[in-house]
N, C-alpha and C. Protein backbone atom coordinates (compact mmCIF):
# COMPACT_ATOMS: atom_id res chain seq x y z
N UNK A 1 196.93 -89.54 20.94
CA UNK A 1 196.36 -89.17 22.21
C UNK A 1 195.05 -89.93 22.41
N UNK A 2 194.97 -90.71 23.46
CA UNK A 2 193.78 -91.48 23.77
C UNK A 2 192.87 -90.67 24.68
N UNK A 3 191.58 -90.81 24.43
CA UNK A 3 190.59 -90.13 25.26
C UNK A 3 189.75 -91.17 25.96
N UNK A 4 189.55 -90.99 27.24
CA UNK A 4 188.74 -91.91 28.01
C UNK A 4 187.29 -91.77 27.55
N UNK A 5 186.62 -92.87 27.15
CA UNK A 5 185.23 -92.76 26.69
C UNK A 5 184.29 -92.24 27.76
N UNK A 6 184.65 -92.41 29.03
CA UNK A 6 183.79 -91.93 30.11
C UNK A 6 183.75 -90.41 30.17
N UNK A 7 184.68 -89.74 29.49
CA UNK A 7 184.71 -88.28 29.50
C UNK A 7 183.51 -87.72 28.74
N UNK A 8 183.08 -88.41 27.72
CA UNK A 8 181.99 -87.95 26.88
C UNK A 8 180.69 -88.58 27.33
N UNK A 9 179.79 -87.76 27.85
CA UNK A 9 178.49 -88.22 28.30
C UNK A 9 177.48 -88.05 27.17
N UNK A 10 176.72 -89.07 26.90
CA UNK A 10 175.64 -88.97 25.92
C UNK A 10 174.43 -88.38 26.63
N UNK A 11 174.02 -87.17 26.21
CA UNK A 11 172.85 -86.54 26.77
C UNK A 11 171.83 -86.33 25.66
N UNK A 12 170.68 -85.74 25.99
CA UNK A 12 169.62 -85.61 25.00
C UNK A 12 170.03 -84.73 23.83
N UNK A 13 170.85 -83.71 24.07
CA UNK A 13 171.30 -82.85 22.97
C UNK A 13 172.24 -83.62 22.03
N UNK A 14 173.16 -84.39 22.61
CA UNK A 14 174.09 -85.18 21.79
C UNK A 14 173.34 -86.25 21.01
N UNK A 15 172.34 -86.86 21.62
CA UNK A 15 171.54 -87.86 20.93
C UNK A 15 170.77 -87.24 19.77
N UNK A 16 170.23 -86.06 20.00
CA UNK A 16 169.50 -85.35 18.95
C UNK A 16 170.42 -84.98 17.78
N UNK A 17 171.60 -84.47 18.09
CA UNK A 17 172.56 -84.11 17.05
C UNK A 17 173.00 -85.36 16.28
N UNK A 18 173.27 -86.43 17.00
CA UNK A 18 173.68 -87.67 16.35
C UNK A 18 172.62 -88.19 15.40
N UNK A 19 171.36 -88.19 15.83
CA UNK A 19 170.27 -88.65 14.97
C UNK A 19 170.11 -87.73 13.76
N UNK A 20 170.25 -86.43 13.97
CA UNK A 20 170.13 -85.48 12.86
C UNK A 20 171.24 -85.65 11.84
N UNK A 21 172.46 -85.87 12.32
CA UNK A 21 173.60 -86.05 11.42
C UNK A 21 173.46 -87.34 10.63
N UNK A 22 173.06 -88.42 11.30
CA UNK A 22 172.83 -89.68 10.58
C UNK A 22 171.77 -89.50 9.50
N UNK A 23 170.72 -88.79 9.83
CA UNK A 23 169.64 -88.56 8.86
C UNK A 23 170.13 -87.73 7.69
N UNK A 24 170.84 -86.64 7.98
CA UNK A 24 171.35 -85.77 6.91
C UNK A 24 172.34 -86.49 6.01
N UNK A 25 173.00 -87.51 6.54
CA UNK A 25 173.95 -88.25 5.72
C UNK A 25 173.29 -89.43 5.00
N UNK A 26 171.96 -89.43 4.98
CA UNK A 26 171.23 -90.43 4.20
C UNK A 26 171.01 -91.75 4.93
N UNK A 27 171.06 -91.72 6.25
CA UNK A 27 170.87 -92.95 7.03
C UNK A 27 169.73 -92.78 8.04
N UNK A 28 168.50 -92.49 7.54
CA UNK A 28 167.39 -92.23 8.46
C UNK A 28 166.97 -93.44 9.28
N UNK A 29 167.13 -94.63 8.75
CA UNK A 29 166.74 -95.82 9.51
C UNK A 29 167.66 -96.00 10.71
N UNK A 30 168.95 -95.81 10.49
CA UNK A 30 169.91 -95.91 11.60
C UNK A 30 169.65 -94.85 12.67
N UNK A 31 169.28 -93.65 12.22
CA UNK A 31 169.01 -92.59 13.20
C UNK A 31 167.76 -92.92 14.02
N UNK A 32 166.75 -93.48 13.36
CA UNK A 32 165.53 -93.88 14.09
C UNK A 32 165.86 -94.98 15.10
N UNK A 33 166.66 -95.95 14.68
CA UNK A 33 167.06 -97.03 15.60
C UNK A 33 167.89 -96.51 16.76
N UNK A 34 168.72 -95.50 16.49
CA UNK A 34 169.51 -94.87 17.56
C UNK A 34 168.58 -94.26 18.61
N UNK A 35 167.57 -93.53 18.14
CA UNK A 35 166.62 -92.94 19.08
C UNK A 35 165.84 -94.01 19.82
N UNK A 36 165.41 -95.04 19.11
CA UNK A 36 164.67 -96.12 19.75
C UNK A 36 165.49 -96.83 20.82
N UNK A 37 166.78 -96.94 20.57
CA UNK A 37 167.65 -97.66 21.50
C UNK A 37 167.92 -96.87 22.78
N UNK A 38 168.07 -95.56 22.65
CA UNK A 38 168.50 -94.75 23.79
C UNK A 38 167.39 -93.95 24.46
N UNK A 39 166.35 -93.61 23.73
CA UNK A 39 165.34 -92.71 24.28
C UNK A 39 164.32 -93.47 25.13
N UNK A 40 163.98 -92.88 26.24
CA UNK A 40 162.89 -93.37 27.08
C UNK A 40 161.90 -92.24 27.25
N UNK A 41 160.68 -92.59 27.58
CA UNK A 41 159.67 -91.57 27.81
C UNK A 41 160.09 -90.70 28.98
N UNK A 42 159.89 -89.37 28.87
CA UNK A 42 160.24 -88.49 29.98
C UNK A 42 159.50 -88.85 31.27
N UNK A 43 158.29 -89.37 31.14
CA UNK A 43 157.51 -89.72 32.32
C UNK A 43 157.98 -91.03 32.96
N UNK A 44 158.74 -91.83 32.21
CA UNK A 44 159.24 -93.10 32.75
C UNK A 44 160.43 -92.83 33.66
N UNK A 45 160.48 -93.57 34.76
CA UNK A 45 161.67 -93.41 35.59
C UNK A 45 162.88 -94.00 34.86
N UNK A 46 163.98 -93.28 34.91
CA UNK A 46 165.19 -93.80 34.29
C UNK A 46 165.68 -95.00 35.09
N UNK A 47 166.19 -96.01 34.39
CA UNK A 47 166.71 -97.16 35.14
C UNK A 47 167.86 -96.71 36.04
N UNK A 48 167.97 -97.31 37.23
CA UNK A 48 169.03 -96.88 38.14
C UNK A 48 170.41 -97.05 37.52
N UNK A 49 170.55 -98.07 36.73
CA UNK A 49 171.82 -98.28 36.05
C UNK A 49 171.50 -98.71 34.63
N UNK A 50 172.07 -98.00 33.66
CA UNK A 50 171.86 -98.37 32.26
C UNK A 50 172.49 -99.73 32.01
N UNK A 51 171.98 -100.45 31.00
CA UNK A 51 172.54 -101.75 30.69
C UNK A 51 174.04 -101.69 30.44
N UNK A 52 174.48 -100.59 29.88
CA UNK A 52 175.90 -100.42 29.59
C UNK A 52 176.21 -98.94 29.62
N UNK A 53 177.37 -98.54 30.15
CA UNK A 53 177.70 -97.11 30.16
C UNK A 53 177.78 -96.52 28.75
N UNK A 54 178.08 -97.35 27.77
CA UNK A 54 178.17 -96.83 26.40
C UNK A 54 176.80 -96.74 25.73
N UNK A 55 175.77 -97.31 26.35
CA UNK A 55 174.42 -97.24 25.80
C UNK A 55 173.43 -96.77 26.85
N UNK A 56 173.55 -95.51 27.30
CA UNK A 56 172.66 -95.02 28.35
C UNK A 56 171.24 -94.78 27.84
N UNK A 57 170.29 -94.78 28.75
CA UNK A 57 168.91 -94.45 28.45
C UNK A 57 168.72 -92.97 28.76
N UNK A 58 168.09 -92.24 27.84
CA UNK A 58 167.98 -90.79 27.96
C UNK A 58 166.52 -90.38 27.78
N UNK A 59 166.04 -89.51 28.65
CA UNK A 59 164.69 -88.96 28.52
C UNK A 59 164.74 -87.79 27.54
N UNK A 60 164.07 -87.96 26.41
CA UNK A 60 164.04 -86.90 25.40
C UNK A 60 162.96 -85.89 25.74
N UNK A 61 163.12 -84.69 25.24
CA UNK A 61 162.04 -83.71 25.28
C UNK A 61 161.78 -83.25 23.85
N UNK A 62 160.77 -82.44 23.68
CA UNK A 62 160.37 -82.04 22.33
C UNK A 62 161.45 -81.20 21.65
N UNK A 63 162.22 -80.46 22.43
CA UNK A 63 163.30 -79.64 21.84
C UNK A 63 164.42 -80.50 21.30
N UNK A 64 164.55 -81.71 21.79
CA UNK A 64 165.57 -82.63 21.27
C UNK A 64 165.04 -83.39 20.05
N UNK A 65 163.72 -83.57 19.97
CA UNK A 65 163.15 -84.32 18.85
C UNK A 65 162.94 -83.44 17.61
N UNK A 66 162.71 -82.15 17.81
CA UNK A 66 162.46 -81.26 16.68
C UNK A 66 163.59 -81.21 15.64
N UNK A 67 164.86 -81.11 16.04
CA UNK A 67 165.92 -81.10 15.02
C UNK A 67 165.97 -82.39 14.20
N UNK A 68 165.67 -83.51 14.83
CA UNK A 68 165.62 -84.78 14.11
C UNK A 68 164.51 -84.74 13.06
N UNK A 69 163.34 -84.27 13.43
CA UNK A 69 162.24 -84.17 12.48
C UNK A 69 162.58 -83.20 11.34
N UNK A 70 163.23 -82.11 11.67
CA UNK A 70 163.62 -81.14 10.65
C UNK A 70 164.61 -81.77 9.66
N UNK A 71 165.54 -82.58 10.16
CA UNK A 71 166.49 -83.23 9.26
C UNK A 71 165.79 -84.24 8.36
N UNK A 72 164.71 -84.85 8.84
CA UNK A 72 163.93 -85.76 7.98
C UNK A 72 163.29 -84.99 6.83
N UNK A 73 162.83 -83.79 7.11
CA UNK A 73 162.28 -82.94 6.04
C UNK A 73 163.34 -82.61 5.01
N UNK A 74 164.55 -82.36 5.47
CA UNK A 74 165.62 -81.96 4.55
C UNK A 74 166.00 -83.07 3.57
N UNK A 75 165.76 -84.32 3.94
CA UNK A 75 166.08 -85.41 3.01
C UNK A 75 164.81 -85.96 2.34
N UNK A 76 163.76 -85.15 2.36
CA UNK A 76 162.48 -85.50 1.71
C UNK A 76 161.87 -86.78 2.27
N UNK A 77 161.78 -86.87 3.58
CA UNK A 77 161.10 -87.99 4.22
C UNK A 77 159.95 -87.47 5.09
N UNK A 78 159.00 -86.75 4.46
CA UNK A 78 157.87 -86.23 5.24
C UNK A 78 157.00 -87.36 5.79
N UNK A 79 157.07 -88.54 5.21
CA UNK A 79 156.29 -89.67 5.71
C UNK A 79 156.70 -90.03 7.15
N UNK A 80 157.99 -89.97 7.43
CA UNK A 80 158.45 -90.29 8.78
C UNK A 80 158.07 -89.17 9.75
N UNK A 81 158.13 -87.93 9.28
CA UNK A 81 157.70 -86.80 10.13
C UNK A 81 156.24 -86.98 10.52
N UNK A 82 155.41 -87.35 9.56
CA UNK A 82 153.98 -87.55 9.84
C UNK A 82 153.77 -88.74 10.77
N UNK A 83 154.56 -89.80 10.59
CA UNK A 83 154.48 -90.95 11.48
C UNK A 83 154.82 -90.53 12.91
N UNK A 84 155.89 -89.76 13.07
CA UNK A 84 156.27 -89.30 14.41
C UNK A 84 155.19 -88.42 15.01
N UNK A 85 154.59 -87.56 14.18
CA UNK A 85 153.51 -86.69 14.66
C UNK A 85 152.35 -87.54 15.18
N UNK A 86 151.96 -88.55 14.41
CA UNK A 86 150.83 -89.39 14.79
C UNK A 86 151.10 -90.20 16.05
N UNK A 87 152.36 -90.54 16.28
CA UNK A 87 152.70 -91.45 17.38
C UNK A 87 153.50 -90.80 18.50
N UNK A 88 153.68 -89.50 18.45
CA UNK A 88 154.52 -88.80 19.41
C UNK A 88 154.03 -88.96 20.84
N UNK A 89 152.74 -88.85 21.05
CA UNK A 89 152.20 -88.91 22.40
C UNK A 89 152.35 -90.30 23.02
N UNK A 90 151.99 -91.33 22.25
CA UNK A 90 152.03 -92.66 22.86
C UNK A 90 153.42 -93.29 22.86
N UNK A 91 154.26 -93.01 21.85
CA UNK A 91 155.60 -93.61 21.81
C UNK A 91 156.60 -92.87 22.67
N UNK A 92 156.51 -91.55 22.67
CA UNK A 92 157.52 -90.75 23.37
C UNK A 92 156.97 -89.99 24.57
N UNK A 93 155.66 -89.99 24.75
CA UNK A 93 155.00 -89.20 25.81
C UNK A 93 155.36 -87.73 25.69
N UNK A 94 155.42 -87.25 24.44
CA UNK A 94 155.76 -85.84 24.19
C UNK A 94 154.58 -85.15 23.53
N UNK A 95 154.42 -83.90 23.85
CA UNK A 95 153.41 -83.07 23.22
C UNK A 95 154.10 -82.10 22.28
N UNK A 96 153.55 -81.92 21.07
CA UNK A 96 154.18 -81.00 20.11
C UNK A 96 154.11 -79.56 20.59
N UNK A 97 155.08 -78.77 20.11
CA UNK A 97 155.06 -77.34 20.36
C UNK A 97 154.90 -76.63 19.02
N UNK A 98 155.02 -75.32 19.02
CA UNK A 98 154.82 -74.56 17.80
C UNK A 98 155.88 -74.89 16.75
N UNK A 99 157.09 -75.20 17.18
CA UNK A 99 158.15 -75.57 16.24
C UNK A 99 157.81 -76.90 15.57
N UNK A 100 157.30 -77.85 16.35
CA UNK A 100 156.91 -79.14 15.82
C UNK A 100 155.80 -78.98 14.79
N UNK A 101 154.83 -78.12 15.08
CA UNK A 101 153.75 -77.87 14.13
C UNK A 101 154.29 -77.27 12.84
N UNK A 102 155.24 -76.36 12.94
CA UNK A 102 155.85 -75.77 11.76
C UNK A 102 156.56 -76.85 10.93
N UNK A 103 157.25 -77.76 11.59
CA UNK A 103 157.93 -78.85 10.89
C UNK A 103 156.91 -79.74 10.19
N UNK A 104 155.78 -80.01 10.86
CA UNK A 104 154.73 -80.82 10.25
C UNK A 104 154.15 -80.13 9.02
N UNK A 105 153.91 -78.83 9.10
CA UNK A 105 153.38 -78.11 7.94
C UNK A 105 154.37 -78.14 6.77
N UNK A 106 155.64 -78.00 7.08
CA UNK A 106 156.67 -78.11 6.04
C UNK A 106 156.67 -79.51 5.44
N UNK A 107 156.46 -80.52 6.27
CA UNK A 107 156.40 -81.90 5.78
C UNK A 107 155.23 -82.09 4.82
N UNK A 108 154.11 -81.45 5.13
CA UNK A 108 152.96 -81.54 4.24
C UNK A 108 153.24 -80.93 2.87
N UNK A 109 153.91 -79.79 2.88
CA UNK A 109 154.29 -79.13 1.62
C UNK A 109 155.27 -80.00 0.85
N UNK A 110 156.26 -80.55 1.55
CA UNK A 110 157.24 -81.43 0.89
C UNK A 110 156.58 -82.68 0.33
N UNK A 111 155.63 -83.25 1.07
CA UNK A 111 154.94 -84.45 0.59
C UNK A 111 154.20 -84.14 -0.70
N UNK A 112 153.57 -82.98 -0.76
CA UNK A 112 152.88 -82.58 -1.99
C UNK A 112 153.86 -82.52 -3.16
N UNK A 113 155.01 -81.89 -2.96
CA UNK A 113 155.97 -81.74 -4.05
C UNK A 113 156.63 -83.06 -4.42
N UNK A 114 156.86 -83.91 -3.43
CA UNK A 114 157.43 -85.23 -3.73
C UNK A 114 156.46 -86.03 -4.60
N UNK A 115 155.18 -86.00 -4.26
CA UNK A 115 154.18 -86.71 -5.07
C UNK A 115 153.98 -86.06 -6.43
N UNK A 116 154.05 -84.76 -6.48
CA UNK A 116 153.83 -84.04 -7.74
C UNK A 116 154.95 -84.31 -8.73
N UNK A 117 156.18 -84.49 -8.23
CA UNK A 117 157.32 -84.74 -9.12
C UNK A 117 157.28 -86.13 -9.75
N UNK A 118 156.51 -87.03 -9.20
CA UNK A 118 156.47 -88.41 -9.73
C UNK A 118 155.79 -88.49 -11.04
């Protein structure tokens, strides 16, 4: 049974899940590149037509970015969580919420334990 690819729309939730799954499967660089390729700042106007229907540009919000950051914590990559925290405003035009702060605090604890185990 063939499915028309146009049936499946890539939205911010699907992009977030995709990035989280790639990260959980040990491919954090690919997940970061996926977000970089598709995500645009929410304040930026979306292009009238994406370069390709299979590679749409999507305005992320903080609720879509939080699961990705949480998955980075799960694979012991608090360094990337901290990088995202430091650059969230200028790269994504997003402001953290209480969930994001909780993820950052967990990243700090994980960073301590990662360094302590060395």
